[in-house]
N, C-alpha and C. Protein backbone atom coordinates (compact mmCIF):
# COMPACT_ATOMS: atom_id res chain seq x y z
N UNK A 1 304.35 75.32 7.86
CA UNK A 1 305.09 74.60 6.63
C UNK A 1 303.80 74.16 5.65
N UNK A 2 304.07 73.75 4.51
CA UNK A 2 303.05 73.10 3.92
C UNK A 2 302.79 71.98 3.89
N UNK A 3 301.54 71.23 4.05
CA UNK A 3 301.09 69.94 3.98
C UNK A 3 301.62 69.10 3.12
N UNK A 4 302.01 68.04 3.60
CA UNK A 4 302.24 66.88 2.46
C UNK A 4 301.42 65.77 2.66
N UNK A 5 301.37 64.80 1.90
CA UNK A 5 300.54 63.65 2.15
C UNK A 5 299.57 63.41 1.02
N UNK A 6 299.00 62.28 1.25
CA UNK A 6 297.65 61.79 0.32
C UNK A 6 296.57 62.46 0.39
N UNK A 7 296.02 63.09 -0.34
CA UNK A 7 294.47 63.56 -0.02
C UNK A 7 293.70 63.66 -1.23
N UNK A 8 292.66 63.38 -1.52
CA UNK A 8 291.94 63.45 -2.84
C UNK A 8 291.63 64.59 -3.22
N UNK A 9 292.03 66.12 -2.90
CA UNK A 9 292.20 67.39 -3.40
C UNK A 9 292.58 68.33 -2.21
N UNK A 10 292.75 69.41 -2.85
CA UNK A 10 293.52 70.85 -2.22
C UNK A 10 292.35 71.08 -1.12
N UNK A 11 292.75 71.65 0.05
CA UNK A 11 291.69 72.27 0.69
C UNK A 11 290.58 72.99 0.12
N UNK A 12 291.19 73.70 -0.86
CA UNK A 12 290.44 74.99 -1.40
C UNK A 12 289.25 74.39 -2.49
N UNK A 13 289.63 73.04 -2.57
CA UNK A 13 288.62 72.21 -3.43
C UNK A 13 287.32 71.92 -2.72
N UNK A 14 287.34 71.91 -1.71
CA UNK A 14 286.34 70.92 -0.70
C UNK A 14 285.43 72.28 0.44
N UNK A 15 284.31 71.91 0.42
CA UNK A 15 283.70 72.78 1.40
C UNK A 15 283.76 72.44 2.73
N UNK A 16 284.18 70.86 2.95
CA UNK A 16 284.40 70.44 4.54
C UNK A 16 285.59 71.06 5.14
N UNK A 17 285.49 70.99 6.41
CA UNK A 17 286.79 71.66 7.27
C UNK A 17 287.61 70.43 7.64
N UNK A 18 287.25 69.20 7.33
CA UNK A 18 287.89 67.93 7.74
C UNK A 18 288.51 67.31 6.51
N UNK A 19 289.88 67.08 6.42
CA UNK A 19 290.06 66.58 5.09
C UNK A 19 290.62 65.24 5.41
N UNK A 20 290.42 64.54 4.69
CA UNK A 20 290.91 62.83 5.08
C UNK A 20 292.45 62.51 4.21
N UNK A 21 293.46 62.40 5.08
CA UNK A 21 294.67 62.20 4.41
C UNK A 21 294.85 60.30 4.38
N UNK A 22 294.37 59.92 5.52
CA UNK A 22 294.68 58.41 5.36
C UNK A 22 293.56 57.76 6.05
N UNK A 23 292.61 57.04 5.57
CA UNK A 23 291.24 57.28 6.28
C UNK A 23 291.22 56.19 7.30
N UNK A 24 290.70 55.99 8.47
CA UNK A 24 290.25 54.84 9.14
C UNK A 24 289.23 53.98 8.73
N UNK A 25 288.10 54.44 9.13
CA UNK A 25 286.59 53.73 8.87
C UNK A 25 285.69 54.97 8.53
N UNK A 26 284.93 54.99 7.42
CA UNK A 26 283.73 55.98 7.33
C UNK A 26 282.51 55.15 7.84
N UNK A 27 282.39 55.68 9.15
CA UNK A 27 281.25 55.05 9.58
C UNK A 27 279.94 55.56 9.50
N UNK A 28 278.79 55.01 8.98
CA UNK A 28 277.52 55.38 9.01
C UNK A 28 276.41 54.69 9.66
N UNK A 29 276.80 53.89 10.27
CA UNK A 29 275.67 53.03 11.07
C UNK A 29 274.84 53.84 12.10
N UNK A 30 275.14 55.26 12.71
CA UNK A 30 274.34 55.60 13.29
C UNK A 30 273.23 56.75 12.79
N UNK A 31 272.33 57.03 13.20
CA UNK A 31 271.42 57.90 12.79
C UNK A 31 271.11 59.30 13.45
N UNK A 32 270.94 60.54 12.71
CA UNK A 32 271.14 61.67 13.40
C UNK A 32 270.20 62.18 13.81
N UNK A 33 270.45 62.74 15.30
CA UNK A 33 269.59 63.42 16.19
C UNK A 33 268.91 64.58 15.44
N UNK A 34 267.63 64.78 15.95
CA UNK A 34 267.25 65.93 15.46
C UNK A 34 268.01 67.30 15.40
N UNK A 35 268.56 67.36 16.24
CA UNK A 35 269.28 68.56 16.82
C UNK A 35 270.51 68.76 15.95
N UNK A 36 271.02 67.37 15.47
CA UNK A 36 272.29 67.50 14.41
C UNK A 36 272.25 68.57 13.30
N UNK A 37 270.75 68.65 12.92
CA UNK A 37 270.44 69.48 11.61
C UNK A 37 269.92 70.85 12.25
N UNK A 38 269.89 71.05 13.56
CA UNK A 38 269.53 72.75 13.73
C UNK A 38 270.12 73.37 14.82
N UNK A 39 270.99 72.56 15.59
CA UNK A 39 271.90 73.34 16.57
C UNK A 39 272.59 74.78 16.01
N UNK A 40 272.67 75.55 16.75
CA UNK A 40 273.40 76.57 16.34
C UNK A 40 275.20 76.43 16.59
N UNK A 41 275.78 77.23 15.93
CA UNK A 41 277.33 76.93 16.34
C UNK A 41 277.94 78.24 16.70
N UNK A 42 278.66 78.46 17.81
CA UNK A 42 279.07 77.10 18.42
C UNK A 42 277.54 76.61 19.35
N UNK A 43 277.49 75.61 19.88
CA UNK A 43 276.23 75.06 20.45
C UNK A 43 275.71 75.45 22.20
N UNK A 44 277.13 75.20 22.69
CA UNK A 44 277.04 75.53 24.15
C UNK A 44 277.41 76.47 24.86
N UNK A 45 278.64 76.80 24.43
CA UNK A 45 279.51 77.92 24.95
C UNK A 45 279.51 79.18 24.01
N UNK A 46 278.66 80.13 24.13
CA UNK A 46 278.17 81.27 23.11
C UNK A 46 278.95 82.63 23.45
N UNK A 47 279.43 82.75 24.74
CA UNK A 47 280.02 83.88 25.05
C UNK A 47 280.86 84.71 24.01
N UNK A 48 280.65 85.88 23.66
CA UNK A 48 281.41 86.43 22.34
C UNK A 48 283.26 86.17 22.51
N UNK A 49 283.64 86.21 23.68
CA UNK A 49 285.05 86.48 23.81
C UNK A 49 285.54 84.78 23.83
N UNK A 50 284.78 83.95 23.88
CA UNK A 50 285.09 82.71 23.78
C UNK A 50 284.66 81.67 22.49
N UNK A 51 284.25 82.46 21.58
CA UNK A 51 283.86 81.70 20.45
C UNK A 51 285.03 81.45 19.53
N UNK A 52 285.21 80.12 18.89
CA UNK A 52 286.27 79.99 18.18
C UNK A 52 286.46 81.01 16.82
N UNK A 53 287.14 81.41 16.13
CA UNK A 53 287.28 82.16 14.98
C UNK A 53 287.04 81.35 13.97
N UNK A 54 287.24 79.91 13.85
CA UNK A 54 286.91 79.21 12.92
C UNK A 54 285.90 78.77 12.80
N UNK A 55 284.62 78.96 13.40
CA UNK A 55 283.30 78.66 13.26
C UNK A 55 282.57 79.56 12.56
N UNK A 56 281.80 78.84 11.49
CA UNK A 56 280.95 79.77 10.74
C UNK A 56 279.51 79.56 11.49
N UNK A 57 279.26 80.71 12.06
CA UNK A 57 278.16 80.80 13.14
C UNK A 57 276.95 80.84 12.46
N UNK A 58 276.90 81.20 10.94
CA UNK A 58 275.73 81.11 10.27
C UNK A 58 275.26 79.67 9.59
N UNK A 59 276.09 78.92 9.83
CA UNK A 59 275.46 77.09 9.60
C UNK A 59 275.10 76.68 10.88
N UNK A 60 273.70 75.95 10.56
CA UNK A 60 273.11 75.23 11.39
C UNK A 60 273.49 73.83 11.56
N UNK A 61 273.24 73.04 12.68
CA UNK A 61 273.57 71.48 12.40
C UNK A 61 275.21 71.29 12.85
N UNK A 62 275.39 69.94 12.92
CA UNK A 62 276.64 69.49 13.26
C UNK A 62 277.90 70.07 11.99
N UNK A 63 278.93 70.16 12.33
CA UNK A 63 280.00 70.78 11.30
C UNK A 63 280.76 69.53 10.78
N UNK A 64 281.15 69.60 9.79
CA UNK A 64 282.61 68.71 9.33
C UNK A 64 283.56 69.20 10.29
N UNK A 65 284.27 68.20 10.58
CA UNK A 65 285.47 68.30 11.56
C UNK A 65 285.09 68.37 13.17
N UNK A 66 283.62 68.38 13.52
CA UNK A 66 283.33 68.24 14.51
C UNK A 66 282.99 67.15 15.36
N UNK A 67 283.03 66.80 16.46
CA UNK A 67 283.05 65.69 17.23
C UNK A 67 281.54 64.80 16.99
N UNK A 68 281.74 63.73 16.57
CA UNK A 68 280.15 62.86 16.72
C UNK A 68 280.17 62.11 18.12
N UNK A 69 279.09 62.26 18.67
CA UNK A 69 278.86 61.97 20.10
C UNK A 69 277.71 60.68 20.17
N UNK A 70 277.89 59.75 20.69
CA UNK A 70 276.84 58.86 21.42
C UNK A 70 275.67 60.09 22.05
N UNK A 71 274.40 59.67 21.54
CA UNK A 71 273.61 60.39 22.10
C UNK A 71 272.00 59.54 22.54
N UNK A 72 272.59 58.96 23.80
CA UNK A 72 271.36 57.96 24.46
C UNK A 72 269.99 58.87 24.76
N UNK A 73 269.95 60.22 24.75
CA UNK A 73 268.75 61.01 25.08
C UNK A 73 267.84 60.97 23.83
N UNK A 74 268.59 60.78 22.59
CA UNK A 74 267.77 60.50 21.62
C UNK A 74 267.09 59.37 21.24
N UNK A 75 267.57 58.22 21.89
CA UNK A 75 267.47 56.71 21.61
C UNK A 75 268.61 56.07 21.07
N UNK A 76 268.31 54.68 20.76
CA UNK A 76 269.34 53.72 20.28
C UNK A 76 269.99 54.01 19.11
N UNK A 77 270.98 53.93 18.98
CA UNK A 77 271.82 54.18 17.64
C UNK A 77 271.57 55.67 17.31
N UNK A 78 271.55 56.63 18.25
CA UNK A 78 271.59 58.08 17.79
C UNK A 78 272.90 58.75 18.09
N UNK A 79 273.41 59.29 17.14
CA UNK A 79 274.50 60.09 17.16
C UNK A 79 274.19 61.82 16.94
N UNK A 80 275.09 62.57 17.37
CA UNK A 80 274.80 64.00 17.04
C UNK A 80 276.07 64.90 17.67
N UNK A 81 275.68 66.20 17.72
CA UNK A 81 276.62 67.49 18.46
C UNK A 81 276.90 66.84 19.95
N UNK A 82 277.29 67.90 20.76
CA UNK A 82 277.34 67.74 22.18
C UNK A 82 275.88 68.04 22.67
N UNK A 83 275.65 67.58 23.72
CA UNK A 83 274.29 67.79 24.66
C UNK A 83 274.88 67.73 26.04
N UNK A 84 273.94 68.29 26.90
CA UNK A 84 274.17 68.36 28.12
C UNK A 84 273.11 68.02 28.98
N UNK A 85 272.15 66.89 28.62
CA UNK A 85 270.94 66.65 29.13
C UNK A 85 271.04 66.34 30.78
N UNK A 86 269.97 66.66 31.55
CA UNK A 86 269.74 66.34 32.88
C UNK A 86 269.71 65.05 33.07
N UNK A 87 270.09 64.32 34.02
CA UNK A 87 269.66 62.89 34.42
C UNK A 87 270.93 62.34 34.25
N UNK A 88 270.73 60.88 34.12
CA UNK A 88 271.72 59.82 34.47
C UNK A 88 272.15 59.55 33.22
N UNK A 89 271.56 60.02 31.92
CA UNK A 89 272.22 59.57 30.57
C UNK A 89 273.40 60.51 30.19
N UNK A 90 273.42 61.53 31.02
CA UNK A 90 274.68 62.68 31.19
C UNK A 90 276.10 61.80 30.63
N UNK A 91 276.40 60.67 31.11
CA UNK A 91 277.95 60.43 31.30
C UNK A 91 277.92 59.53 30.03
N UNK A 92 276.78 58.96 29.33
CA UNK A 92 276.92 58.31 28.20
C UNK A 92 276.95 59.00 27.04
N UNK A 93 276.96 60.42 26.79
CA UNK A 93 277.23 61.42 25.89
C UNK A 93 278.72 61.22 25.68
N UNK A 94 279.45 60.22 24.51
CA UNK A 94 280.88 60.05 24.41
C UNK A 94 281.10 60.23 22.83
N UNK A 95 282.27 60.99 22.65
CA UNK A 95 282.86 60.96 21.39
C UNK A 95 283.04 59.54 20.88
N UNK A 96 282.78 59.26 19.39
CA UNK A 96 282.85 58.26 18.74
C UNK A 96 284.03 58.73 17.43
N UNK A 97 283.81 59.96 17.12
CA UNK A 97 284.88 60.30 15.83
C UNK A 97 284.57 61.56 15.56
N UNK A 98 285.08 61.74 14.24
CA UNK A 98 284.61 63.26 13.58
C UNK A 98 283.67 63.21 12.40
N UNK A 99 282.97 64.18 12.46
CA UNK A 99 281.92 64.17 11.23
C UNK A 99 282.64 64.48 10.01
N UNK A 100 282.54 63.83 8.61
CA UNK A 100 283.20 64.21 7.19
C UNK A 100 282.59 65.68 6.92
N UNK A 101 281.19 65.53 6.88
CA UNK A 101 280.61 66.58 6.35
C UNK A 101 279.53 67.36 7.13
N UNK A 102 279.32 68.48 6.93
CA UNK A 102 278.15 69.19 7.68
C UNK A 102 276.80 68.55 7.29
N UNK A 103 276.13 68.39 8.70
CA UNK A 103 275.00 67.80 8.50
C UNK A 103 274.00 68.32 7.26
N UNK A 104 273.63 69.69 7.57
CA UNK A 104 272.65 70.33 6.56
C UNK A 104 273.02 70.52 5.28
N UNK A 105 274.53 69.92 4.96
CA UNK A 105 274.85 70.36 3.43
C UNK A 105 275.35 71.74 3.26
N UNK A 106 275.66 71.83 1.84
CA UNK A 106 275.74 73.08 1.16
C UNK A 106 275.12 73.43 0.33
N UNK A 107 274.73 74.61 -0.09
CA UNK A 107 274.10 74.93 -1.30
C UNK A 107 274.83 74.33 -2.44
N UNK A 108 274.28 73.83 -3.32
CA UNK A 108 274.54 73.71 -4.85
C UNK A 108 275.27 72.16 -4.91
N UNK A 109 275.19 71.35 -3.34
CA UNK A 109 275.69 70.22 -3.52
C UNK A 109 274.61 69.27 -3.09
N UNK A 110 275.05 67.67 -3.40
CA UNK A 110 274.23 66.97 -3.20
C UNK A 110 273.79 66.85 -1.34
N UNK A 111 272.92 66.75 -0.94
CA UNK A 111 272.95 66.58 0.40
C UNK A 111 272.11 65.52 0.94
N UNK A 112 272.85 64.25 0.98
CA UNK A 112 272.44 62.83 1.53
C UNK A 112 271.89 62.82 3.10
N UNK A 113 272.74 63.78 3.81
CA UNK A 113 272.20 63.63 5.35
C UNK A 113 270.85 64.21 5.52
N UNK A 114 270.61 65.07 4.80
CA UNK A 114 269.18 65.37 4.96
C UNK A 114 268.01 64.36 4.51
N UNK A 115 268.62 63.69 3.52
CA UNK A 115 267.57 62.74 3.01
C UNK A 115 267.49 61.42 3.62
N UNK A 116 268.59 61.09 4.23
CA UNK A 116 268.98 59.80 4.73
C UNK A 116 269.01 59.74 6.11
N UNK A 117 269.27 60.95 7.17
CA UNK A 117 269.67 60.96 8.32
C UNK A 117 270.63 60.47 8.87
N UNK A 118 271.46 60.43 7.86
CA UNK A 118 272.88 59.56 8.20
C UNK A 118 273.75 60.72 8.49
N UNK A 119 274.62 60.82 9.14
CA UNK A 119 276.15 61.77 9.19
C UNK A 119 277.20 61.00 9.34
N UNK A 120 277.90 60.20 8.35
CA UNK A 120 278.95 59.68 8.39
C UNK A 120 280.07 60.48 9.32
N UNK A 121 280.88 59.28 9.82
CA UNK A 121 281.95 60.19 10.66
C UNK A 121 283.19 59.11 10.41
N UNK A 122 284.25 59.74 11.02
CA UNK A 122 285.60 58.76 10.70
C UNK A 122 285.95 58.08 12.13
N UNK A 123 286.12 57.10 12.12
CA UNK A 123 286.60 56.26 13.44
C UNK A 123 287.52 55.32 13.01
N UNK A 124 288.05 54.62 14.33
CA UNK A 124 289.22 53.53 13.96
C UNK A 124 290.65 54.25 13.67
N UNK A 125 290.97 55.33 13.98
CA UNK A 125 292.14 55.81 13.79
C UNK A 125 292.28 56.51 12.41
N UNK A 126 293.24 56.73 11.58
CA UNK A 126 293.59 57.27 10.49
C UNK A 126 294.28 58.76 10.80
N UNK A 127 294.54 59.34 9.71
CA UNK A 127 295.49 60.55 9.70
C UNK A 127 294.60 61.62 9.07
N UNK A 128 294.32 62.84 9.56
CA UNK A 128 293.28 63.73 9.22
C UNK A 128 294.05 65.20 9.29
N UNK A 129 293.36 66.22 8.18
CA UNK A 129 293.70 67.64 8.56
C UNK A 129 292.40 68.17 8.91
N UNK A 130 292.34 69.22 9.80
CA UNK A 130 291.11 69.87 9.95
C UNK A 130 291.20 71.41 10.54
N UNK A 131 290.25 72.05 9.80
CA UNK A 131 290.39 73.54 10.07
C UNK A 131 289.45 73.94 11.16
N UNK A 132 288.60 73.07 11.99
CA UNK A 132 287.58 73.50 12.89
C UNK A 132 288.33 72.78 14.24
N UNK A 133 288.56 73.79 15.06
CA UNK A 133 289.34 73.67 16.44
C UNK A 133 289.13 74.91 16.93
N UNK A 134 288.85 74.59 18.37
CA UNK A 134 289.08 76.01 19.40
C UNK A 134 290.00 76.85 19.22
N UNK A 135 289.98 77.97 18.98
CA UNK A 135 291.31 78.64 19.29
C UNK A 135 291.51 79.52 20.39
N UNK A 136 290.43 79.61 21.01
CA UNK A 136 290.43 80.37 22.43
C UNK A 136 290.19 79.40 23.60
N UNK A 137 290.60 79.56 25.19
CA UNK A 137 290.18 78.97 26.12
C UNK A 137 288.49 79.21 26.19
N UNK A 138 287.92 78.22 26.59
CA UNK A 138 286.43 78.58 26.83
C UNK A 138 286.24 78.86 27.96
N UNK A 139 287.17 78.54 28.98
CA UNK A 139 286.70 78.93 30.35
C UNK A 139 288.55 78.91 31.31
N UNK A 140 288.40 79.10 32.27
CA UNK A 140 289.67 79.31 33.15
C UNK A 140 290.07 77.86 33.09
N UNK A 141 291.41 77.93 32.85
CA UNK A 141 292.19 76.54 32.61
C UNK A 141 292.44 76.11 34.33
N UNK A 142 293.00 74.97 34.83
CA UNK A 142 293.47 74.49 36.00
C UNK A 142 295.04 74.04 35.88
N UNK A 143 295.84 74.03 37.09
CA UNK A 143 296.90 73.97 36.95
C UNK A 143 298.12 75.01 36.33
N UNK A 144 299.29 74.78 36.54
CA UNK A 144 300.17 75.61 36.11
C UNK A 144 299.93 77.13 36.02
N UNK A 145 300.27 77.66 34.90
CA UNK A 145 299.97 79.05 34.48
C UNK A 145 298.36 79.32 33.78
N UNK A 146 297.51 79.55 35.00
CA UNK A 146 296.02 79.41 34.66
C UNK A 146 296.03 80.45 33.28
N UNK A 147 295.18 80.06 32.23
CA UNK A 147 294.67 80.89 31.11
C UNK A 147 293.45 81.36 31.27
N UNK A 148 292.89 82.21 31.16
CA UNK A 148 291.41 82.83 31.34
C UNK A 148 290.51 82.73 30.11
N UNK A 149 289.08 82.59 30.27
CA UNK A 149 288.50 82.58 28.96
C UNK A 149 288.71 83.33 28.34
N UNK A 150 288.78 82.93 26.76
CA UNK A 150 288.91 84.00 25.71
C UNK A 150 290.40 84.24 25.25
N UNK A 151 291.28 83.76 26.19
CA UNK A 151 292.82 83.79 25.67
C UNK A 151 292.84 82.68 24.60
N UNK A 152 293.95 82.98 23.56
CA UNK A 152 294.39 82.15 22.67
C UNK A 152 295.19 80.84 23.50
N UNK A 153 294.51 79.66 22.93
CA UNK A 153 295.04 78.46 23.07
C UNK A 153 296.62 78.10 22.11
N UNK A 154 297.54 77.69 23.04
CA UNK A 154 298.52 77.36 22.18
C UNK A 154 298.55 75.98 21.89
N UNK A 155 298.79 75.62 20.35
CA UNK A 155 298.87 74.02 19.99
C UNK A 155 300.38 73.81 19.81
N UNK A 156 300.77 72.75 20.19
CA UNK A 156 302.02 72.38 19.50
C UNK A 156 302.32 70.94 19.35
N UNK A 157 303.21 70.45 18.57
CA UNK A 157 303.25 68.96 18.16
C UNK A 157 303.18 67.94 19.65
N UNK A 158 302.23 66.75 19.56
CA UNK A 158 302.29 66.01 20.32
C UNK A 158 301.30 65.92 21.43
N UNK A 159 300.33 67.04 21.56
CA UNK A 159 299.37 67.30 22.25
C UNK A 159 298.13 66.41 22.24
N UNK A 160 297.52 65.88 23.30
CA UNK A 160 296.46 65.11 23.22
C UNK A 160 295.35 66.04 22.81
N UNK A 161 294.32 65.81 21.89
CA UNK A 161 293.21 66.50 21.64
C UNK A 161 291.83 65.66 22.04
N UNK A 162 291.11 66.54 22.73
CA UNK A 162 290.22 66.22 23.29
C UNK A 162 288.75 66.92 22.69
N UNK A 163 287.79 66.71 22.89
CA UNK A 163 286.22 67.48 22.79
C UNK A 163 285.97 68.72 23.80
N UNK A 164 285.89 69.60 23.25
CA UNK A 164 285.31 70.66 23.78
C UNK A 164 283.89 70.53 24.02
N UNK A 165 283.50 71.54 24.97
CA UNK A 165 281.81 71.39 25.26
C UNK A 165 281.08 72.01 24.02
N UNK A 166 281.64 72.49 22.77
CA UNK A 166 281.04 73.00 22.01
C UNK A 166 281.26 71.51 20.86
N UNK A 167 281.80 70.57 21.24
CA UNK A 167 282.13 69.42 20.34
C UNK A 167 283.15 69.69 19.25
N UNK A 168 284.02 70.60 19.30
CA UNK A 168 285.27 70.70 18.69
C UNK A 168 286.39 70.43 19.21
N UNK A 169 287.32 70.27 18.63
CA UNK A 169 288.76 69.72 19.04
C UNK A 169 289.43 70.66 19.80
N UNK A 170 290.07 70.71 20.83
CA UNK A 170 290.95 71.18 21.64
C UNK A 170 291.82 70.43 22.57
N UNK A 171 293.35 71.35 22.78
CA UNK A 171 294.33 70.41 23.60
C UNK A 171 293.82 70.16 25.22
N UNK A 172 294.09 69.17 25.38
CA UNK A 172 293.92 68.71 26.92
C UNK A 172 295.08 69.65 27.98
N UNK A 173 296.11 69.62 27.11
CA UNK A 173 296.82 70.30 28.17
C UNK A 173 297.59 71.37 26.99
N UNK A 174 297.43 72.68 27.47
CA UNK A 174 297.84 73.60 26.73
C UNK A 174 299.45 73.77 26.66
N UNK A 175 299.70 74.18 25.23
CA UNK A 175 300.95 74.04 24.60
C UNK A 175 302.10 75.01 25.38
N UNK A 176 301.45 76.12 26.19
CA UNK A 176 301.99 77.13 26.98
C UNK A 176 302.90 76.67 28.12
N UNK A 177 302.37 75.55 28.61
CA UNK A 177 302.50 75.06 29.97
C UNK A 177 302.27 73.78 30.07
N UNK A 178 303.42 72.77 30.61
CA UNK A 178 303.27 71.58 30.41
C UNK A 178 302.00 70.67 31.33
N UNK A 179 301.39 71.74 32.51
CA UNK A 179 300.30 71.20 33.44
C UNK A 179 299.30 71.98 33.37
N UNK A 180 299.05 72.93 32.33
CA UNK A 180 297.85 73.67 32.44
C UNK A 180 296.78 73.26 31.69
N UNK A 181 295.55 72.60 32.25
CA UNK A 181 294.89 71.56 31.47
C UNK A 181 293.37 72.18 31.55
N UNK A 182 292.95 72.06 30.21
CA UNK A 182 291.46 72.57 29.75
C UNK A 182 290.52 71.62 30.08
N UNK A 183 291.08 70.48 30.67
CA UNK A 183 289.89 69.28 30.84
C UNK A 183 289.35 69.19 31.94
N UNK A 184 288.45 70.63 31.98
CA UNK A 184 287.61 70.63 33.20
C UNK A 184 285.96 70.71 32.91
N UNK A 185 285.17 71.03 33.72
CA UNK A 185 283.75 71.22 33.78
C UNK A 185 283.52 72.03 32.94
N UNK A 186 283.76 73.22 33.04
CA UNK A 186 283.56 74.03 32.32
C UNK A 186 283.96 74.43 30.97
N UNK A 187 284.80 73.71 30.11
CA UNK A 187 285.52 73.46 29.10
C UNK A 187 285.38 72.40 28.35
N UNK A 188 285.47 71.20 28.94
CA UNK A 188 285.34 69.61 28.31
C UNK A 188 284.04 69.25 28.04
N UNK A 189 283.40 68.80 26.82
CA UNK A 189 282.51 68.01 26.94
C UNK A 189 282.21 66.77 27.94
N UNK A 190 283.16 66.12 28.27
CA UNK A 190 282.51 64.94 28.92
C UNK A 190 282.56 65.24 30.23
N UNK A 191 283.74 65.64 30.65
CA UNK A 191 283.80 66.11 32.22
C UNK A 191 282.53 67.30 32.51
N UNK A 192 282.21 67.94 31.85
CA UNK A 192 280.63 69.04 31.93
C UNK A 192 279.47 67.45 31.88
N UNK A 193 279.65 66.43 31.35
CA UNK A 193 278.67 65.47 31.56
C UNK A 193 279.06 64.32 32.78
N UNK A 194 279.86 64.61 33.32
CA UNK A 194 280.13 63.90 34.76
C UNK A 194 281.01 63.08 34.80
N UNK A 195 281.81 62.76 33.93
CA UNK A 195 283.25 62.05 34.02
C UNK A 195 284.35 62.76 34.29
N UNK A 196 285.48 61.85 34.91
CA UNK A 196 286.23 62.47 35.61
C UNK A 196 287.32 63.18 34.59
N UNK A 197 287.43 62.36 33.66
CA UNK A 197 288.46 62.88 32.07
C UNK A 197 288.04 62.67 31.05
N UNK A 198 288.65 63.38 29.99
CA UNK A 198 287.97 63.31 28.56
C UNK A 198 288.70 62.04 27.99
N UNK A 199 287.98 61.50 27.05
CA UNK A 199 288.64 60.79 25.78
C UNK A 199 289.63 61.20 25.05
N UNK A 200 290.63 60.51 24.86
CA UNK A 200 291.58 60.86 23.71
C UNK A 200 291.02 60.85 22.49
N UNK A 201 291.12 61.74 21.64
CA UNK A 201 290.50 61.70 20.36
C UNK A 201 291.72 61.65 19.29
N UNK A 202 292.87 62.39 19.40
CA UNK A 202 293.71 62.23 18.62
C UNK A 202 295.12 62.71 19.35
N UNK A 203 296.32 62.54 18.57
CA UNK A 203 297.80 63.20 18.84
C UNK A 203 297.76 64.15 17.80
N UNK A 204 298.17 65.53 18.20
CA UNK A 204 298.37 66.31 17.07
C UNK A 204 299.79 66.24 16.41
N UNK A 205 299.84 66.21 15.35
CA UNK A 205 301.10 65.86 14.39
C UNK A 205 301.77 67.17 14.02
N UNK A 206 300.98 68.19 13.50
CA UNK A 206 301.47 69.33 12.81
C UNK A 206 300.31 70.52 13.20
N UNK A 207 300.39 71.47 14.30
CA UNK A 207 299.74 72.52 14.21
C UNK A 207 299.32 73.63 13.25
N UNK A 208 298.44 74.05 12.90
CA UNK A 208 298.35 75.13 12.05
C UNK A 208 298.94 76.12 12.35
N UNK A 209 299.33 76.94 10.94
CA UNK A 209 300.42 77.95 11.27
C UNK A 209 299.77 79.05 9.81
N UNK A 210 300.31 80.38 9.27
CA UNK A 210 300.03 81.31 8.68
C UNK A 210 299.96 80.52 6.95
N UNK A 211 300.58 79.14 6.91
CA UNK A 211 300.68 78.82 5.61
C UNK A 211 299.88 77.58 5.57
N UNK A 212 299.63 76.98 6.57
CA UNK A 212 298.68 75.63 6.68
C UNK A 212 297.72 75.72 7.61
N UNK A 213 296.58 76.32 7.34
CA UNK A 213 295.45 76.66 8.15
C UNK A 213 294.98 75.36 9.18
N UNK A 214 295.27 74.27 8.51
CA UNK A 214 294.76 73.06 9.31
C UNK A 214 295.71 72.33 10.27
N UNK A 215 294.85 71.94 11.22
CA UNK A 215 295.49 71.08 12.25
C UNK A 215 295.72 69.65 11.50
N UNK A 216 296.61 69.02 11.89
CA UNK A 216 297.01 67.45 11.12
C UNK A 216 297.26 66.66 12.40
N UNK A 217 296.55 65.54 12.62
CA UNK A 217 296.52 64.61 13.62
C UNK A 217 296.46 63.40 13.44
N UNK A 218 296.86 62.38 14.04
CA UNK A 218 296.66 61.02 14.22
C UNK A 218 295.23 60.99 14.81
N UNK A 219 294.35 60.10 14.50
CA UNK A 219 293.20 59.98 15.18
C UNK A 219 293.29 58.76 16.22
N UNK A 220 292.69 58.74 17.50
CA UNK A 220 292.77 57.52 18.36
C UNK A 220 291.61 56.79 18.75
N UNK A 221 290.50 57.23 18.14
CA UNK A 221 289.19 56.45 18.69
C UNK A 221 288.38 56.10 17.01
């Protein structure tokens, strides 16, 4: 179905994957880590059969619509993409919101992130549409009807969205089965870093389809 609501422009008018419908807070307090400009995409799980078809693999750095994480391995007030550093700081790599723009910018556009070291992200709730999300399971799911790595994920209204190890949105529970969970150490960023379960990032309101290529969701962080 077509997307209704308030927005500053149509999807084709913007180079950003994240479209703001009703904004929470545009947060620009943090400073981007060095690897926020240089990471490959996807940054962690790169096996061919598990790479989301929504990711532009030619772009370096954190992407518009990807999860902004606290990064204590980079120092105080540092934010960036996903990381799995060795040591006690692992469990403090936590999601803060979603990046509004790709860190390195786009050709023929103003590139404030590169000049300032800032990467604004949306936090404190709001409603957004995003074309960046995992389309396939990164690893074998747990519980219910197990889904193998590389099998398409099923998105349905009402799902909890969490951060994948690549820093992209993915469902906590696959829509094909009410107990088939992706929230495990091989797929989830936070569980991979030692936590028992992932932080709730958003509630999916309208899954993408052939007409509307974006997921629409209410953010919860």
